[in-house]
Amino acid sequence: MIVHVKTESGFECDFEREAFNDMELLEAVENMDNGEAMAFLPFVRKLFAPEDKKRLYDSVREPDGRVPVEKIGRVIGEIIKALPEAEKK
């Protein structure tokens, strides 16, 4: 089943519901909750297809080309927050 998520910041993405049935992904979420910025990397790699990862990065990219970690973290937090509602639809 496909789950469509729209974040508060306007980023939209689709996920296979089954993608969240993954202990490594859950561990990455736990590590992010514990303030480990590097946990974003396995989360993004496991959850996003390359083209969606690019869209995610481009959605927060600064004019100088940087992709700020804190902005990625904010969007990932919004995705996690939006998932329960998205799964109801």
C-alpha atoms as a PDB file:
ATOM      1  CA  MET A   1       0.000   0.000   0.000  1.00  0.00           C
ATOM      2  CA  ILE A   2       1.246   3.462  -0.892  1.00  0.00           C
ATOM      3  CA  VAL A   3       1.118   6.187   1.761  1.00  0.00           C
ATOM      4  CA  HIS A   4       1.101   9.804   0.586  1.00  0.00           C
ATOM      5  CA  VAL A   5       2.589  12.333   2.987  1.00  0.00           C
ATOM      6  CA  LYS A   6       2.390  16.108   2.789  1.00  0.00           C
ATOM      7  CA  THR A   7       4.447  17.996   5.355  1.00  0.00           C
ATOM      8  CA  GLU A   8       3.656  21.323   6.981  1.00  0.00           C
ATOM      9  CA  SER A   9       6.419  22.882   4.883  1.00  0.00           C
ATOM     10  CA  GLY A  10       4.770  21.641   1.673  1.00  0.00           C
ATOM     11  CA  PHE A  11       7.071  18.729   0.761  1.00  0.00           C
ATOM     12  CA  GLU A  12       5.093  15.775  -0.612  1.00  0.00           C
ATOM     13  CA  CYS A  13       6.234  12.182  -1.005  1.00  0.00           C
ATOM     14  CA  ASP A  14       4.925   8.651  -1.363  1.00  0.00           C
ATOM     15  CA  PHE A  15       6.149   5.605   0.536  1.00  0.00           C
ATOM     16  CA  GLU A  16       5.418   1.938   0.515  1.00  0.00           C
ATOM     17  CA  ARG A  17       3.782   1.318   3.877  1.00  0.00           C
ATOM     18  CA  GLU A  18       5.932  -1.794   4.225  1.00  0.00           C
ATOM     19  CA  ALA A  19       9.094   0.348   4.128  1.00  0.00           C
ATOM     20  CA  PHE A  20       8.406   1.301   7.738  1.00  0.00           C
ATOM     21  CA  ASN A  21       8.497  -2.338   8.850  1.00  0.00           C
ATOM     22  CA  ASP A  22      12.285  -2.145   9.182  1.00  0.00           C
ATOM     23  CA  MET A  23      14.219  -2.276  12.461  1.00  0.00           C
ATOM     24  CA  GLU A  24      17.167  -0.341  10.992  1.00  0.00           C
ATOM     25  CA  LEU A  25      14.829   2.474   9.989  1.00  0.00           C
ATOM     26  CA  LEU A  26      13.289   2.431  13.468  1.00  0.00           C
ATOM     27  CA  GLU A  27      16.772   2.580  15.018  1.00  0.00           C
ATOM     28  CA  ALA A  28      17.600   5.581  12.824  1.00  0.00           C
ATOM     29  CA  VAL A  29      14.440   7.333  14.058  1.00  0.00           C
ATOM     30  CA  GLU A  30      15.400   6.559  17.652  1.00  0.00           C
ATOM     31  CA  ASN A  31      18.901   7.925  17.067  1.00  0.00           C
ATOM     32  CA  MET A  32      17.449  11.092  15.540  1.00  0.00           C
ATOM     33  CA  ASP A  33      15.234  11.471  18.618  1.00  0.00           C
ATOM     34  CA  ASN A  34      18.393  11.234  20.719  1.00  0.00           C
ATOM     35  CA  GLY A  35      19.918  14.144  18.787  1.00  0.00           C
ATOM     36  CA  GLU A  36      22.272  12.185  16.536  1.00  0.00           C
ATOM     37  CA  ALA A  37      22.434  14.208  13.315  1.00  0.00           C
ATOM     38  CA  MET A  38      24.194  11.388  11.461  1.00  0.00           C
ATOM     39  CA  ALA A  39      21.079   9.212  11.898  1.00  0.00           C
ATOM     40  CA  PHE A  40      19.462  11.226   9.104  1.00  0.00           C
ATOM     41  CA  LEU A  41      21.720   9.507   6.590  1.00  0.00           C
ATOM     42  CA  PRO A  42      20.514   5.895   6.989  1.00  0.00           C
ATOM     43  CA  PHE A  43      16.931   7.127   7.342  1.00  0.00           C
ATOM     44  CA  VAL A  44      17.075   9.025   4.055  1.00  0.00           C
ATOM     45  CA  ARG A  45      18.944   6.226   2.248  1.00  0.00           C
ATOM     46  CA  LYS A  46      16.504   3.542   3.355  1.00  0.00           C
ATOM     47  CA  LEU A  47      13.294   5.456   2.831  1.00  0.00           C
ATOM     48  CA  PHE A  48      13.803   7.609  -0.266  1.00  0.00           C
ATOM     49  CA  ALA A  49      14.391   6.525  -3.835  1.00  0.00           C
ATOM     50  CA  PRO A  50      17.279   8.495  -5.408  1.00  0.00           C
ATOM     51  CA  GLU A  51      14.924  10.840  -7.268  1.00  0.00           C
ATOM     52  CA  ASP A  52      12.881  11.501  -4.111  1.00  0.00           C
ATOM     53  CA  LYS A  53      16.049  12.114  -2.101  1.00  0.00           C
ATOM     54  CA  LYS A  54      17.061  14.716  -4.678  1.00  0.00           C
ATOM     55  CA  ARG A  55      13.612  16.350  -4.434  1.00  0.00           C
ATOM     56  CA  LEU A  56      13.916  16.381  -0.645  1.00  0.00           C
ATOM     57  CA  TYR A  57      17.355  17.986  -0.767  1.00  0.00           C
ATOM     58  CA  ASP A  58      16.292  20.471  -3.434  1.00  0.00           C
ATOM     59  CA  SER A  59      13.279  21.479  -1.326  1.00  0.00           C
ATOM     60  CA  VAL A  60      15.597  22.920   1.358  1.00  0.00           C
ATOM     61  CA  ARG A  61      18.659  23.779  -0.725  1.00  0.00           C
ATOM     62  CA  GLU A  62      20.165  27.215   0.011  1.00  0.00           C
ATOM     63  CA  PRO A  63      21.013  29.659  -2.804  1.00  0.00           C
ATOM     64  CA  ASP A  64      24.700  28.806  -2.318  1.00  0.00           C
ATOM     65  CA  GLY A  65      23.954  25.104  -2.973  1.00  0.00           C
ATOM     66  CA  ARG A  66      24.169  23.809   0.596  1.00  0.00           C
ATOM     67  CA  VAL A  67      21.561  21.423   2.009  1.00  0.00           C
ATOM     68  CA  PRO A  68      21.282  22.375   5.703  1.00  0.00           C
ATOM     69  CA  VAL A  69      21.090  19.415   8.070  1.00  0.00           C
ATOM     70  CA  GLU A  70      18.684  21.232  10.375  1.00  0.00           C
ATOM     71  CA  LYS A  71      16.231  21.825   7.504  1.00  0.00           C
ATOM     72  CA  ILE A  72      16.386  18.158   6.460  1.00  0.00           C
ATOM     73  CA  GLY A  73      15.799  17.240  10.098  1.00  0.00           C
ATOM     74  CA  ARG A  74      12.765  19.498  10.242  1.00  0.00           C
ATOM     75  CA  VAL A  75      11.233  17.956   7.109  1.00  0.00           C
ATOM     76  CA  ILE A  76      11.936  14.409   8.329  1.00  0.00           C
ATOM     77  CA  GLY A  77      10.278  15.294  11.631  1.00  0.00           C
ATOM     78  CA  GLU A  78       7.265  16.588   9.717  1.00  0.00           C
ATOM     79  CA  ILE A  79       7.147  13.363   7.681  1.00  0.00           C
ATOM     80  CA  ILE A  80       7.205  11.215  10.805  1.00  0.00           C
ATOM     81  CA  LYS A  81       4.539  13.410  12.421  1.00  0.00           C
ATOM     82  CA  ALA A  82       2.315  13.216   9.302  1.00  0.00           C
ATOM     83  CA  LEU A  83       2.545   9.432   8.858  1.00  0.00           C
ATOM     84  CA  PRO A  84      -0.259   8.344  11.212  1.00  0.00           C
ATOM     85  CA  GLU A  85      -2.742  10.656   9.496  1.00  0.00           C
ATOM     86  CA  ALA A  86      -1.515   9.634   6.027  1.00  0.00           C
ATOM     87  CA  GLU A  87      -1.983   5.950   6.840  1.00  0.00           C
ATOM     88  CA  LYS A  88      -5.645   6.571   7.724  1.00  0.00           C
ATOM     89  CA  LYS A  89      -6.415   7.740   4.187  1.00  0.00           C
END
